[in-house]
């Protein structure tokens, strides 16, 4: 959501990106307008629902103001520091 891709994000900048989003309470995905986003309330960590593709997965879902799903992406950590999308895993 911050315009970074797992394979290209600079790990040394990751903390500052997260801190900026938390302070501004806004995200600006490339090609989209700026959106209100408060990690304290808009980020839900669900450790109980398993994903179908692999044990180490994370789903990102975006909803509009009426709670309609706008976008969902799933990524998996496959070891050795590698992260792949759901499509790449198949």
N, C-alpha and C. Protein backbone atom coordinates (compact mmCIF):
# COMPACT_ATOMS: atom_id res chain seq x y z
N UNK A 1 0.81 -1.20 0.00
CA UNK A 1 0.00 0.00 0.00
C UNK A 1 0.85 1.26 0.00
N UNK A 2 2.10 1.11 0.34
CA UNK A 2 3.00 2.26 0.35
C UNK A 2 3.79 2.33 -0.96
N UNK A 3 3.44 1.50 -1.92
CA UNK A 3 4.12 1.52 -3.20
C UNK A 3 5.38 0.68 -3.24
N UNK A 4 5.59 -0.14 -2.25
CA UNK A 4 6.78 -0.98 -2.19
C UNK A 4 6.43 -2.41 -2.60
N UNK A 5 7.38 -3.09 -3.20
CA UNK A 5 7.21 -4.49 -3.56
C UNK A 5 8.15 -5.31 -2.68
N UNK A 6 7.72 -6.50 -2.25
CA UNK A 6 8.56 -7.30 -1.35
C UNK A 6 9.96 -7.55 -1.90
N UNK A 7 10.08 -7.74 -3.19
CA UNK A 7 11.38 -8.08 -3.76
C UNK A 7 12.28 -6.87 -3.97
N UNK A 8 11.73 -5.64 -3.84
CA UNK A 8 12.56 -4.47 -4.11
C UNK A 8 12.62 -3.46 -2.96
N UNK A 9 11.82 -3.63 -1.92
CA UNK A 9 11.83 -2.66 -0.83
C UNK A 9 13.19 -2.69 -0.12
N UNK A 10 13.66 -1.51 0.25
CA UNK A 10 14.92 -1.40 0.98
C UNK A 10 14.63 -1.68 2.46
N UNK A 11 15.12 -2.79 3.00
CA UNK A 11 14.84 -3.14 4.40
C UNK A 11 15.26 -2.05 5.38
N UNK A 12 16.28 -1.27 5.03
CA UNK A 12 16.73 -0.19 5.91
C UNK A 12 15.73 0.96 5.98
N UNK A 13 14.80 1.03 5.02
CA UNK A 13 13.80 2.09 5.02
C UNK A 13 12.44 1.62 5.51
N UNK A 14 12.27 0.33 5.74
CA UNK A 14 10.96 -0.23 6.10
C UNK A 14 10.39 0.41 7.37
N UNK A 15 11.20 0.54 8.41
CA UNK A 15 10.70 1.12 9.66
C UNK A 15 10.23 2.56 9.47
N UNK A 16 10.99 3.35 8.71
CA UNK A 16 10.60 4.74 8.51
C UNK A 16 9.32 4.85 7.67
N UNK A 17 9.11 3.93 6.74
CA UNK A 17 7.88 3.92 5.95
C UNK A 17 6.69 3.66 6.86
N UNK A 18 6.81 2.66 7.72
CA UNK A 18 5.73 2.32 8.66
C UNK A 18 5.47 3.47 9.63
N UNK A 19 6.53 4.07 10.15
CA UNK A 19 6.39 5.20 11.08
C UNK A 19 5.69 6.39 10.42
N UNK A 20 6.04 6.67 9.17
CA UNK A 20 5.41 7.78 8.44
C UNK A 20 3.92 7.54 8.26
N UNK A 21 3.55 6.32 7.88
CA UNK A 21 2.13 5.99 7.70
C UNK A 21 1.38 6.13 9.02
N UNK A 22 1.97 5.66 10.11
CA UNK A 22 1.32 5.75 11.42
C UNK A 22 1.15 7.20 11.85
N UNK A 23 2.14 8.03 11.58
CA UNK A 23 2.07 9.44 11.98
C UNK A 23 1.07 10.23 11.13
N UNK A 24 1.09 9.98 9.82
CA UNK A 24 0.22 10.73 8.91
C UNK A 24 -1.20 10.16 8.85
N UNK A 25 -1.32 8.86 9.22
CA UNK A 25 -2.61 8.15 9.12
C UNK A 25 -3.17 8.23 7.70
N UNK A 26 -2.26 8.10 6.72
CA UNK A 26 -2.64 8.13 5.31
C UNK A 26 -1.71 7.21 4.54
N UNK A 27 -2.24 6.63 3.47
CA UNK A 27 -1.42 5.88 2.53
C UNK A 27 -1.72 6.41 1.13
N UNK A 28 -0.75 6.30 0.26
CA UNK A 28 -0.90 6.79 -1.12
C UNK A 28 -0.36 5.74 -2.08
N UNK A 29 -1.15 4.71 -2.37
CA UNK A 29 -0.69 3.69 -3.32
C UNK A 29 -0.45 4.31 -4.70
N UNK A 30 0.56 3.86 -5.41
CA UNK A 30 0.83 4.40 -6.75
C UNK A 30 -0.40 4.28 -7.65
N UNK A 31 -0.73 5.36 -8.33
CA UNK A 31 -1.86 5.35 -9.24
C UNK A 31 -3.21 5.55 -8.58
N UNK A 32 -3.21 5.83 -7.29
CA UNK A 32 -4.44 6.02 -6.52
C UNK A 32 -4.36 7.32 -5.74
N UNK A 33 -5.50 7.82 -5.30
CA UNK A 33 -5.46 8.98 -4.41
C UNK A 33 -4.97 8.57 -3.03
N UNK A 34 -4.78 9.53 -2.18
CA UNK A 34 -4.40 9.27 -0.80
C UNK A 34 -5.62 8.77 -0.03
N UNK A 35 -5.41 7.78 0.84
CA UNK A 35 -6.50 7.21 1.63
C UNK A 35 -6.20 7.34 3.11
N UNK A 36 -7.26 7.52 3.90
CA UNK A 36 -7.13 7.51 5.35
C UNK A 36 -6.76 6.08 5.75
N UNK A 37 -5.76 5.94 6.61
CA UNK A 37 -5.35 4.62 7.08
C UNK A 37 -4.67 4.77 8.42
N UNK A 38 -5.29 4.24 9.45
CA UNK A 38 -4.72 4.25 10.79
C UNK A 38 -4.34 2.82 11.15
N UNK A 39 -3.05 2.50 11.16
CA UNK A 39 -2.65 1.13 11.45
C UNK A 39 -3.20 0.59 12.77
N UNK A 40 -3.41 1.47 13.73
CA UNK A 40 -3.92 1.03 15.04
C UNK A 40 -5.33 0.45 14.95
N UNK A 41 -6.13 0.93 14.00
CA UNK A 41 -7.51 0.44 13.89
C UNK A 41 -7.80 -0.26 12.57
N UNK A 42 -7.03 0.05 11.52
CA UNK A 42 -7.32 -0.49 10.20
C UNK A 42 -6.49 -1.72 9.85
N UNK A 43 -5.53 -2.05 10.67
CA UNK A 43 -4.69 -3.22 10.43
C UNK A 43 -5.12 -4.32 11.39
N UNK A 44 -5.62 -5.42 10.84
CA UNK A 44 -6.13 -6.52 11.65
C UNK A 44 -5.19 -7.71 11.49
N UNK A 45 -4.65 -8.18 12.59
CA UNK A 45 -3.78 -9.36 12.57
C UNK A 45 -4.60 -10.59 12.94
N UNK A 46 -4.85 -11.44 11.96
CA UNK A 46 -5.63 -12.66 12.17
C UNK A 46 -4.68 -13.84 12.09
N UNK A 47 -4.30 -14.34 13.24
CA UNK A 47 -3.35 -15.46 13.29
C UNK A 47 -4.04 -16.81 13.31
N UNK A 48 -5.36 -16.82 13.28
CA UNK A 48 -6.10 -18.08 13.43
C UNK A 48 -6.60 -18.65 12.11
N UNK A 49 -6.77 -17.83 11.09
CA UNK A 49 -7.32 -18.31 9.83
C UNK A 49 -6.19 -18.73 8.89
N UNK A 50 -6.05 -20.03 8.63
CA UNK A 50 -4.96 -20.47 7.74
C UNK A 50 -5.26 -20.12 6.28
N UNK A 51 -4.21 -19.90 5.53
CA UNK A 51 -4.34 -19.65 4.10
C UNK A 51 -4.10 -20.95 3.34
N UNK A 52 -4.72 -21.11 2.18
CA UNK A 52 -4.67 -22.39 1.48
C UNK A 52 -3.33 -22.76 0.86
N UNK A 53 -2.52 -21.78 0.49
CA UNK A 53 -1.33 -22.09 -0.30
C UNK A 53 -0.11 -22.55 0.45
N UNK A 54 0.06 -22.06 1.69
CA UNK A 54 1.31 -22.33 2.41
C UNK A 54 1.13 -21.88 3.85
N UNK A 55 1.89 -22.47 4.75
CA UNK A 55 1.74 -22.16 6.18
C UNK A 55 2.13 -20.72 6.53
N UNK A 56 3.13 -20.18 5.85
CA UNK A 56 3.60 -18.83 6.16
C UNK A 56 3.04 -17.84 5.14
N UNK A 57 1.80 -17.45 5.35
CA UNK A 57 1.16 -16.54 4.41
C UNK A 57 0.58 -15.32 5.09
N UNK A 58 0.32 -14.30 4.27
CA UNK A 58 -0.29 -13.08 4.77
C UNK A 58 -1.22 -12.54 3.69
N UNK A 59 -2.45 -12.24 4.10
CA UNK A 59 -3.43 -11.68 3.17
C UNK A 59 -3.61 -10.20 3.46
N UNK A 60 -3.67 -9.41 2.42
CA UNK A 60 -3.94 -7.98 2.52
C UNK A 60 -5.26 -7.73 1.82
N UNK A 61 -6.21 -7.15 2.54
CA UNK A 61 -7.52 -6.84 1.98
C UNK A 61 -7.81 -5.36 2.19
N UNK A 62 -8.38 -4.74 1.17
CA UNK A 62 -8.75 -3.32 1.26
C UNK A 62 -10.26 -3.20 1.10
N UNK A 63 -10.86 -2.42 1.99
CA UNK A 63 -12.31 -2.22 1.99
C UNK A 63 -12.63 -0.74 1.85
N UNK A 64 -13.79 -0.46 1.26
CA UNK A 64 -14.21 0.94 1.16
C UNK A 64 -14.97 1.35 2.42
N UNK A 65 -15.48 2.57 2.44
CA UNK A 65 -16.17 3.10 3.62
C UNK A 65 -17.43 2.31 3.96
N UNK A 66 -17.99 1.60 2.97
CA UNK A 66 -19.18 0.77 3.21
C UNK A 66 -18.83 -0.68 3.48
N UNK A 67 -17.56 -0.95 3.77
CA UNK A 67 -17.05 -2.28 4.10
C UNK A 67 -17.14 -3.27 2.94
N UNK A 68 -17.09 -2.77 1.70
CA UNK A 68 -17.05 -3.63 0.52
C UNK A 68 -15.60 -3.90 0.17
N UNK A 69 -15.31 -5.16 -0.14
CA UNK A 69 -13.95 -5.55 -0.50
C UNK A 69 -13.56 -4.91 -1.83
N UNK A 70 -12.46 -4.18 -1.84
CA UNK A 70 -11.96 -3.54 -3.05
C UNK A 70 -10.85 -4.35 -3.70
N UNK A 71 -9.99 -4.93 -2.87
CA UNK A 71 -8.81 -5.61 -3.38
C UNK A 71 -8.29 -6.58 -2.33
N UNK A 72 -7.82 -7.73 -2.79
CA UNK A 72 -7.21 -8.70 -1.88
C UNK A 72 -5.99 -9.30 -2.56
N UNK A 73 -4.89 -9.32 -1.84
CA UNK A 73 -3.65 -9.93 -2.32
C UNK A 73 -3.10 -10.82 -1.21
N UNK A 74 -2.54 -11.97 -1.62
CA UNK A 74 -1.96 -12.90 -0.66
C UNK A 74 -0.49 -13.12 -1.03
N UNK A 75 0.36 -13.09 -0.01
CA UNK A 75 1.79 -13.32 -0.19
C UNK A 75 2.23 -14.42 0.76
N UNK A 76 3.25 -15.18 0.33
CA UNK A 76 3.77 -16.28 1.13
C UNK A 76 5.29 -16.15 1.28
N UNK A 77 5.77 -16.40 2.49
CA UNK A 77 7.19 -16.51 2.74
C UNK A 77 7.57 -17.96 2.51
N UNK A 78 8.48 -18.19 1.56
CA UNK A 78 8.81 -19.57 1.19
C UNK A 78 10.20 -19.99 1.66
N UNK A 79 10.78 -19.20 2.54
CA UNK A 79 12.08 -19.55 3.10
C UNK A 79 13.22 -18.84 2.39
N UNK A 80 14.31 -18.74 3.08
CA UNK A 80 15.50 -18.12 2.52
C UNK A 80 15.34 -16.63 2.24
N UNK A 81 14.36 -16.00 2.89
CA UNK A 81 14.12 -14.58 2.67
C UNK A 81 13.28 -14.27 1.45
N UNK A 82 12.73 -15.30 0.82
CA UNK A 82 11.95 -15.10 -0.40
C UNK A 82 10.46 -14.99 -0.09
N UNK A 83 9.80 -14.04 -0.75
CA UNK A 83 8.36 -13.83 -0.63
C UNK A 83 7.78 -13.89 -2.03
N UNK A 84 6.69 -14.65 -2.19
CA UNK A 84 6.03 -14.76 -3.49
C UNK A 84 4.55 -14.46 -3.34
N UNK A 85 3.94 -14.01 -4.42
CA UNK A 85 2.50 -13.77 -4.43
C UNK A 85 1.77 -15.10 -4.57
N UNK A 86 0.49 -15.07 -4.33
CA UNK A 86 -0.34 -16.26 -4.49
C UNK A 86 -0.23 -16.79 -5.92
N UNK A 87 -0.21 -15.89 -6.90
CA UNK A 87 -0.10 -16.30 -8.30
C UNK A 87 1.25 -16.95 -8.59
N UNK A 88 2.31 -16.41 -8.00
CA UNK A 88 3.65 -16.97 -8.22
C UNK A 88 3.81 -18.34 -7.57
N UNK A 89 3.07 -18.59 -6.50
CA UNK A 89 3.18 -19.86 -5.79
C UNK A 89 2.58 -21.00 -6.62
N UNK A 90 1.61 -20.67 -7.45
CA UNK A 90 0.91 -21.72 -8.22
C UNK A 90 1.67 -22.17 -9.42
